Amino acid sequence: MMTKIYHFAIVCSMCYGIAATLSSCDSIVDYDDNYTPAEQLANTGTPVINAVYDVTDTAFVTPITQGTLNQTVVLVGQNLNQVQSVSFNTVPCDLRNVYAMSTRAIVQIPAKLSTEQQNQIVYITPQGKCSYDFLIPFPDLTITGLTCEFTNAGDSVTIQGKNFDLYDFEGGISTVTIGSQTLGVGSVTSESMKVLIPEGTPENSDLTLSWQTNGTHHTATLPFRPTQYLLFGNFDGITPNIDGPVKMAIETDDGIGASAWLNQKNLHFTGHYNAWSWNTIDLSCNMISNVPEGFADGNLDDYFFKMEVLTNANFPLTEQAGLQFCFNWGESYAWNPANGLGINTRGQWQTVTLPLAPMATKGISAPNTWQTLRITFQPHADYDADFRIANFRIVKR
């Protein structure tokens, strides 16, 4: 029997990145009394998922076996009405973003990942549940290093990298330790994580990060105040050979805010410099023997040159500074701070990592033999300086 009635027609329209958009309009249509909309058909058994498609594949041509966070997909199968729960890798979907009917369901993959990584979709209705193998690739945890390796015990330090927020360091599934002590974790973002260094932590300790990916346990270590590798110690007994009008002095923490004390001596550069003024500082002494194990037999490309840098907030360190480094009268390596963006540490110490090989083309001296590190300071334009550098060291990549 066909009748004409007034009703509200609900229309589901699929679009890129949106599961469903509901709109309504008043209309007069022919209505079949025996017709039941797909979203109201009763389930005849437990749910079944036969395939998954991206929401833009409206003809269901290319099934997919993996997806990404926040992607909207269509599950095709049977008995998918009356959905109670949909989850990817144990993370439930927001049911407000699910549109289900008897043979398909439009869902949005959650924005979060589970460390359990079961790689399954679990679909639940009042008639039962089903699972379907579906991969959500879990991004690797990338660890770049500490913002400052010479942070003092009792202070917090920021660990830099990628995907920290996916590994549940705050919940304790992944951890940061020094020795047997688990560190307190502060703010965690995708690219950084703060931890508190316990009072009394000795120099030359290691922070150990522990986490799991796909059931495999991983660890990484980061150095805390690695004084054992300082090439010139604390600059004691070092008399720089200076050429040019450069204003540089070996100083202590005096003049630096207490929150930024390095507890190590530093080279402090100040003053105004004309463009292309030539300045060199030669630091020479018997090579300190504390270099990484196996260094003498290694390839210089396998090592970094590290130091700490502090700039006055009003005088950032830019490419125009023209800083260069070389060991033992070889070729100089021109440092381009932050790849041309410059560095402004705003009165705090920051660790800088540079490649060793380009500044050591004549090699590194053997332990207990004479060695010179030349620092060239030749600004490319008129330049006002107020920056400090310290803690020169060689470390394994």
Protein backbone atom coordinates (compact mmCIF):
# COMPACT_ATOMS: atom_id res chain seq x y z
CA MET A 1 0.00 0.00 0.00
CA MET A 2 1.36 3.41 -0.96
CA THR A 3 0.39 6.53 0.95
CA LYS A 4 1.41 10.17 0.87
CA ILE A 5 2.44 11.67 4.21
CA TYR A 6 4.40 14.63 5.53
CA HIS A 7 7.66 13.68 7.19
CA PHE A 8 11.23 14.81 7.88
CA ALA A 9 13.69 13.14 5.53
CA ILE A 10 17.03 12.57 7.20
CA VAL A 11 19.87 12.59 4.76
CA CYS A 12 23.37 11.30 5.50
CA SER A 13 26.01 12.81 3.27
CA MET A 14 29.60 11.58 3.39
CA CYS A 15 32.43 14.05 2.86
CA TYR A 16 36.17 14.15 3.30
CA GLY A 17 37.10 13.76 6.96
CA ILE A 18 33.48 13.93 8.23
CA ALA A 19 31.54 10.80 9.10
CA ALA A 20 28.07 12.18 8.51
CA THR A 21 26.32 15.47 8.22
CA LEU A 22 22.65 15.55 9.08
CA SER A 23 20.26 17.92 7.39
CA SER A 24 16.48 17.99 7.13
CA CYS A 25 13.84 19.38 4.86
CA ASP A 26 10.04 19.37 4.72
CA SER A 27 8.74 17.44 1.73
CA ILE A 28 5.81 15.36 0.44
CA VAL A 29 6.96 11.95 -0.81
CA ASP A 30 5.53 8.55 -1.73
CA TYR A 31 6.00 6.25 1.25
CA ASP A 32 5.93 2.45 1.27
CA ASP A 33 4.28 1.23 4.47
CA ASN A 34 6.35 -1.96 4.25
CA TYR A 35 9.68 -0.17 3.85
CA THR A 36 12.12 -0.13 6.76
CA PRO A 37 15.10 2.27 6.56
CA ALA A 38 18.48 0.54 6.65
CA GLU A 39 19.38 2.19 9.95
CA GLN A 40 16.27 0.64 11.52
CA LEU A 41 16.59 -2.92 10.22
CA ALA A 42 16.81 -5.43 13.04
CA ASN A 43 20.01 -7.40 13.40
CA THR A 44 19.59 -11.12 12.69
CA GLY A 45 22.73 -12.19 14.52
CA THR A 46 26.15 -11.12 15.72
CA PRO A 47 27.86 -8.31 13.79
CA VAL A 48 30.18 -9.14 10.90
CA ILE A 49 32.77 -6.90 9.24
CA ASN A 50 33.75 -8.01 5.73
CA ALA A 51 35.83 -5.03 4.57
CA VAL A 52 36.90 -1.47 5.42
CA TYR A 53 37.01 1.46 2.99
CA ASP A 54 38.07 5.08 3.22
CA VAL A 55 34.99 7.30 3.40
CA THR A 56 35.92 8.92 0.07
CA ASP A 57 35.77 5.54 -1.72
CA THR A 58 31.99 5.78 -2.20
CA ALA A 59 31.92 2.95 -4.77
CA PHE A 60 33.75 0.61 -2.38
CA VAL A 61 36.42 -0.18 -4.96
CA THR A 62 39.59 -0.42 -2.85
CA PRO A 63 39.41 -2.01 0.62
CA ILE A 64 42.04 -0.87 3.11
CA THR A 65 43.84 -2.88 5.77
CA GLN A 66 45.27 0.02 7.79
CA GLY A 67 44.36 3.55 8.73
CA THR A 68 45.55 6.68 10.47
CA LEU A 69 44.43 8.70 13.46
CA ASN A 70 41.22 10.69 12.88
CA GLN A 71 40.61 9.03 9.51
CA THR A 72 36.95 8.40 8.67
CA VAL A 73 36.26 4.93 7.30
CA VAL A 74 33.29 2.78 6.30
CA LEU A 75 32.89 -0.70 7.77
CA VAL A 76 30.96 -3.00 5.41
CA GLY A 77 29.30 -6.19 6.70
CA GLN A 78 26.09 -7.43 8.31
CA ASN A 79 24.15 -6.81 11.51
CA LEU A 80 25.88 -3.50 12.23
CA ASN A 81 22.80 -1.70 13.57
CA GLN A 82 22.32 -0.69 17.22
CA VAL A 83 26.04 -0.20 17.73
CA GLN A 84 27.08 -0.04 21.37
CA SER A 85 30.84 0.25 20.94
CA VAL A 86 33.50 0.43 18.22
CA SER A 87 37.17 0.41 19.11
CA PHE A 88 40.50 0.46 17.27
CA ASN A 89 43.41 -1.08 19.20
CA THR A 90 41.27 -1.02 22.37
CA VAL A 91 40.63 2.75 22.02
CA PRO A 92 36.86 3.40 21.78
CA CYS A 93 35.41 5.60 19.06
CA ASP A 94 33.20 8.54 19.93
CA LEU A 95 29.73 7.16 19.16
CA ARG A 96 28.62 10.66 18.26
CA ASN A 97 30.80 10.25 15.17
CA VAL A 98 29.37 6.82 14.26
CA TYR A 99 26.53 6.38 11.76
CA ALA A 100 25.41 2.75 11.59
CA MET A 101 22.96 0.82 9.45
CA SER A 102 22.47 -2.87 8.83
CA THR A 103 25.22 -3.39 6.25
CA ARG A 104 27.66 -0.59 6.94
CA ALA A 105 28.89 1.83 9.58
CA ILE A 106 30.70 5.12 9.12
CA VAL A 107 33.19 5.68 11.95
CA GLN A 108 36.07 7.98 12.77
CA ILE A 109 39.30 6.34 13.97
CA PRO A 110 40.16 7.77 17.42
CA ALA A 111 42.84 10.44 17.75
CA LYS A 112 44.61 8.41 20.44
CA LEU A 113 46.67 5.26 20.23
CA SER A 114 46.88 2.35 22.63
CA THR A 115 50.23 0.94 23.67
CA GLU A 116 48.62 -2.53 23.54
CA GLN A 117 48.69 -2.35 19.72
CA GLN A 118 46.30 -5.27 19.10
CA ASN A 119 45.65 -4.03 15.54
CA GLN A 120 41.98 -4.98 15.57
CA ILE A 121 38.60 -3.34 15.21
CA VAL A 122 36.13 -4.59 17.83
CA TYR A 123 32.45 -3.96 17.06
CA ILE A 124 29.74 -4.57 19.67
CA THR A 125 25.93 -4.64 19.36
CA PRO A 126 23.25 -6.12 21.67
CA GLN A 127 23.52 -9.35 19.64
CA GLY A 128 27.25 -9.83 20.24
CA LYS A 129 30.62 -8.63 19.02
CA CYS A 130 33.13 -9.27 16.27
CA SER A 131 36.75 -8.40 15.63
CA TYR A 132 38.46 -7.53 12.38
CA ASP A 133 42.22 -7.27 11.76
CA PHE A 134 43.10 -3.66 10.97
CA LEU A 135 46.46 -1.95 11.43
CA ILE A 136 46.92 1.47 12.97
CA PRO A 137 50.68 2.06 12.52
CA PHE A 138 52.21 3.12 15.83
CA PRO A 139 54.72 5.97 15.35
CA ASP A 140 58.20 5.28 16.65
CA LEU A 141 59.46 7.21 19.65
CA THR A 142 62.30 9.47 18.53
CA ILE A 143 64.66 10.90 21.16
CA THR A 144 66.84 13.84 20.16
CA GLY A 145 68.41 14.70 23.53
CA LEU A 146 68.23 17.05 26.51
CA THR A 147 67.79 20.77 26.04
CA CYS A 148 70.71 21.13 28.45
CA GLU A 149 72.89 18.19 29.46
CA PHE A 150 74.38 20.30 32.25
CA THR A 151 71.15 20.98 34.12
CA ASN A 152 71.78 20.93 37.86
CA ALA A 153 70.51 18.22 40.21
CA GLY A 154 67.17 19.25 41.70
CA ASP A 155 66.09 21.08 38.53
CA SER A 156 63.81 19.94 35.74
CA VAL A 157 65.10 19.31 32.22
CA THR A 158 63.33 18.93 28.90
CA ILE A 159 63.84 15.85 26.76
CA GLN A 160 63.32 16.58 23.07
CA GLY A 161 62.13 14.25 20.32
CA LYS A 162 58.87 13.08 18.77
CA ASN A 163 55.74 11.19 19.86
CA PHE A 164 56.26 11.30 23.63
CA ASP A 165 52.52 11.83 24.11
CA LEU A 166 51.75 8.43 22.56
CA TYR A 167 53.84 6.37 24.99
CA ASP A 168 52.17 7.15 28.34
CA PHE A 169 55.17 8.34 30.33
CA GLU A 170 52.80 10.13 32.69
CA GLY A 171 50.91 6.91 33.41
CA GLY A 172 54.06 4.90 34.07
CA ILE A 173 53.78 2.48 31.14
CA SER A 174 56.96 4.10 29.78
CA THR A 175 59.54 5.40 32.26
CA VAL A 176 62.58 7.61 32.76
CA THR A 177 65.06 6.51 35.42
CA ILE A 178 68.45 7.42 36.87
CA GLY A 179 69.92 4.28 38.37
CA SER A 180 67.05 2.59 40.20
CA GLN A 181 65.11 5.82 40.76
CA THR A 182 62.12 6.62 38.54
CA LEU A 183 61.93 10.32 37.69
CA GLY A 184 58.83 12.44 38.01
CA VAL A 185 57.40 13.43 34.63
CA GLY A 186 55.97 16.89 34.08
CA SER A 187 54.35 18.31 30.96
CA VAL A 188 54.35 15.96 27.97
CA THR A 189 53.75 17.01 24.38
CA SER A 190 54.38 15.34 21.05
CA GLU A 191 57.86 16.89 20.82
CA SER A 192 59.03 17.27 24.41
CA MET A 193 58.78 15.96 27.95
CA LYS A 194 59.95 17.46 31.24
CA VAL A 195 61.49 15.38 34.00
CA LEU A 196 62.83 16.31 37.43
CA ILE A 197 66.46 15.46 38.20
CA PRO A 198 66.62 14.28 41.84
CA GLU A 199 68.68 16.24 44.35
CA GLY A 200 72.11 14.72 44.85
CA THR A 201 72.31 13.05 41.43
CA PRO A 202 76.04 12.70 40.70
CA GLU A 203 77.70 14.03 37.58
CA ASN A 204 78.31 11.53 34.74
CA SER A 205 75.03 9.74 35.44
CA ASP A 206 72.71 8.50 32.70
CA LEU A 207 68.98 9.03 32.24
CA THR A 208 67.42 5.85 30.86
CA LEU A 209 64.16 5.96 28.91
CA SER A 210 62.25 2.66 28.63
CA TRP A 211 59.27 1.92 26.37
CA GLN A 212 57.69 -0.76 24.20
CA THR A 213 56.72 -0.85 20.53
CA ASN A 214 54.87 -3.82 19.07
CA GLY A 215 55.80 -5.91 22.10
CA THR A 216 59.52 -5.11 21.82
CA HIS A 217 61.24 -3.40 24.73
CA HIS A 218 63.43 -0.40 23.92
CA THR A 219 65.79 1.78 25.97
CA ALA A 220 67.80 4.92 25.31
CA THR A 221 70.28 6.73 27.54
CA LEU A 222 70.97 10.44 27.85
CA PRO A 223 73.95 11.92 29.70
CA PHE A 224 73.61 14.06 32.82
CA ARG A 225 76.47 16.53 33.39
CA PRO A 226 79.12 14.49 31.48
CA THR A 227 82.15 16.27 32.91
CA GLN A 228 84.30 13.22 32.19
CA TYR A 229 84.45 14.17 28.52
CA LEU A 230 85.36 17.88 28.81
CA LEU A 231 88.34 18.49 26.50
CA PHE A 232 89.66 21.44 28.49
CA GLY A 233 88.32 20.50 31.89
CA ASN A 234 87.02 23.61 33.62
CA PHE A 235 89.46 25.83 31.66
CA ASP A 236 91.81 25.74 34.64
CA GLY A 237 95.36 26.48 33.51
CA ILE A 238 94.19 27.50 30.03
CA THR A 239 95.44 30.86 28.72
CA PRO A 240 93.67 31.68 25.43
CA ASN A 241 95.77 33.11 22.60
CA ILE A 242 93.61 35.93 21.21
CA ASP A 243 94.02 37.72 17.88
CA GLY A 244 91.80 40.66 16.93
CA PRO A 245 89.59 43.11 18.84
CA VAL A 246 87.42 40.38 20.33
CA LYS A 247 86.24 40.88 23.91
CA MET A 248 86.26 37.44 25.49
CA ALA A 249 86.86 36.39 29.07
CA ILE A 250 86.79 33.09 30.95
CA GLU A 251 84.15 33.59 33.62
CA THR A 252 82.21 31.74 36.31
CA ASP A 253 78.45 31.89 36.91
CA ASP A 254 78.74 35.43 38.28
CA GLY A 255 76.48 37.69 36.26
CA ILE A 256 74.12 34.84 35.32
CA GLY A 257 70.76 34.40 37.01
CA ALA A 258 70.89 31.74 39.72
CA SER A 259 68.33 29.60 37.85
CA ALA A 260 70.83 29.26 34.99
CA TRP A 261 74.00 28.54 36.92
CA LEU A 262 76.14 26.09 35.00
CA ASN A 263 78.63 25.42 37.81
CA GLN A 264 81.28 25.36 35.10
CA LYS A 265 83.48 28.15 33.71
CA ASN A 266 82.53 29.59 30.33
CA LEU A 267 83.83 31.80 27.52
CA HIS A 268 81.91 35.10 27.55
CA PHE A 269 81.86 37.15 24.31
CA THR A 270 80.69 40.77 24.46
CA GLY A 271 81.00 44.04 22.56
CA HIS A 272 80.29 45.58 19.18
CA TYR A 273 82.02 44.27 16.05
CA ASN A 274 82.27 45.71 12.57
CA ALA A 275 81.38 43.56 9.62
CA TRP A 276 84.14 41.08 8.70
CA SER A 277 86.36 41.96 11.65
CA TRP A 278 88.73 39.02 12.16
CA ASN A 279 88.97 37.48 15.62
CA THR A 280 90.45 34.17 16.73
CA ILE A 281 90.71 32.47 20.12
CA ASP A 282 93.08 29.52 20.42
CA LEU A 283 92.59 27.15 23.35
CA SER A 284 95.56 24.83 23.83
CA CYS A 285 96.55 22.20 26.35
CA ASN A 286 97.61 18.58 26.63
CA MET A 287 94.73 16.53 25.30
CA ILE A 288 92.64 15.29 28.21
CA SER A 289 92.39 11.51 28.07
CA ASN A 290 88.68 11.33 28.86
CA VAL A 291 87.27 10.68 25.39
CA PRO A 292 84.65 8.04 24.54
CA GLU A 293 85.80 4.44 24.66
CA GLY A 294 87.13 3.29 21.29
CA PHE A 295 87.57 6.85 20.02
CA ALA A 296 91.19 6.36 18.92
CA ASP A 297 90.17 3.53 16.58
CA GLY A 298 86.96 5.13 15.35
CA ASN A 299 85.82 7.18 12.38
CA LEU A 300 85.40 10.88 13.21
CA ASP A 301 82.05 10.79 11.39
CA ASP A 302 80.82 8.61 14.25
CA TYR A 303 81.27 11.42 16.79
CA PHE A 304 79.76 14.76 17.73
CA PHE A 305 81.29 17.95 19.09
CA LYS A 306 79.06 19.31 21.86
CA MET A 307 78.96 22.46 23.96
CA GLU A 308 76.56 24.58 25.99
CA VAL A 309 75.45 28.02 24.76
CA LEU A 310 73.77 30.90 26.58
CA THR A 311 72.62 34.13 24.95
CA ASN A 312 71.38 37.38 26.38
CA ALA A 313 67.71 37.75 25.43
CA ASN A 314 68.51 41.06 23.69
CA PHE A 315 71.40 39.64 21.66
CA PRO A 316 70.49 36.37 19.90
CA LEU A 317 73.21 34.34 18.26
CA THR A 318 72.60 34.41 14.50
CA GLU A 319 74.28 33.26 11.33
CA GLN A 320 75.76 36.75 11.07
CA ALA A 321 78.01 35.97 14.04
CA GLY A 322 80.30 34.00 11.75
CA LEU A 323 81.46 31.49 14.38
CA GLN A 324 83.82 28.76 13.17
CA PHE A 325 85.62 25.89 14.91
CA CYS A 326 88.68 23.87 13.94
CA PHE A 327 91.10 21.49 15.67
CA ASN A 328 94.86 21.55 15.16
CA TRP A 329 94.98 24.05 12.28
CA GLY A 330 92.80 22.03 9.92
CA GLU A 331 89.81 23.29 7.97
CA SER A 332 87.23 25.34 9.83
CA TYR A 333 83.62 24.35 10.32
CA ALA A 334 81.23 27.31 9.99
CA TRP A 335 78.39 27.04 12.47
CA ASN A 336 75.03 28.24 11.20
CA PRO A 337 72.89 28.43 14.38
CA ALA A 338 69.60 26.59 13.97
CA ASN A 339 70.14 26.36 10.21
CA GLY A 340 69.83 30.11 9.74
CA LEU A 341 67.03 30.71 12.24
CA GLY A 342 69.42 31.77 14.98
CA ILE A 343 69.42 30.89 18.67
CA ASN A 344 68.05 32.92 21.56
CA THR A 345 68.31 30.95 24.81
CA ARG A 346 67.01 33.97 26.80
CA GLY A 347 69.50 33.62 29.60
CA GLN A 348 69.35 29.82 29.90
CA TRP A 349 71.95 27.23 28.93
CA GLN A 350 71.24 25.07 25.91
CA THR A 351 73.21 22.11 24.56
CA VAL A 352 74.37 22.42 20.94
CA THR A 353 75.46 19.41 18.88
CA LEU A 354 77.72 19.75 15.83
CA PRO A 355 79.47 17.22 13.57
CA LEU A 356 83.07 16.59 14.62
CA ALA A 357 84.66 15.48 11.34
CA PRO A 358 84.40 18.80 9.39
CA MET A 359 86.27 20.69 12.13
CA ALA A 360 88.91 17.99 12.67
CA THR A 361 90.30 17.45 9.17
CA LYS A 362 93.79 17.08 10.68
CA GLY A 363 92.55 14.69 13.33
CA ILE A 364 92.27 14.83 17.09
CA SER A 365 95.42 14.60 19.17
CA ALA A 366 96.16 11.46 21.16
CA PRO A 367 95.58 11.62 24.92
CA ASN A 368 98.18 13.64 26.84
CA THR A 369 99.56 15.31 23.72
CA TRP A 370 99.24 18.96 22.70
CA GLN A 371 96.04 20.05 21.03
CA THR A 372 94.51 23.35 19.95
CA LEU A 373 90.91 24.29 19.34
CA ARG A 374 90.58 27.51 17.34
CA ILE A 375 87.37 29.54 17.57
CA THR A 376 87.02 32.09 14.79
CA PHE A 377 84.59 34.97 15.32
CA GLN A 378 84.10 36.96 12.11
CA PRO A 379 80.70 38.66 11.94
CA HIS A 380 79.24 38.98 8.43
CA ALA A 381 77.63 42.31 9.36
CA ASP A 382 77.89 44.83 12.18
CA TYR A 383 77.18 42.75 15.24
CA ASP A 384 76.51 43.26 18.96
CA ALA A 385 77.49 40.22 21.00
CA ASP A 386 76.61 38.95 24.46
CA PHE A 387 76.82 35.16 24.50
CA ARG A 388 78.62 32.40 26.39
CA ILE A 389 79.90 28.98 25.33
CA ALA A 390 81.28 26.22 27.54
CA ASN A 391 81.92 22.51 28.09
CA PHE A 392 83.58 21.51 24.80
CA ARG A 393 83.47 17.73 24.48
CA ILE A 394 83.51 14.83 22.03
CA VAL A 395 80.77 12.21 22.27
CA LYS A 396 79.70 9.11 20.36
CA ARG A 397 76.77 9.61 18.00
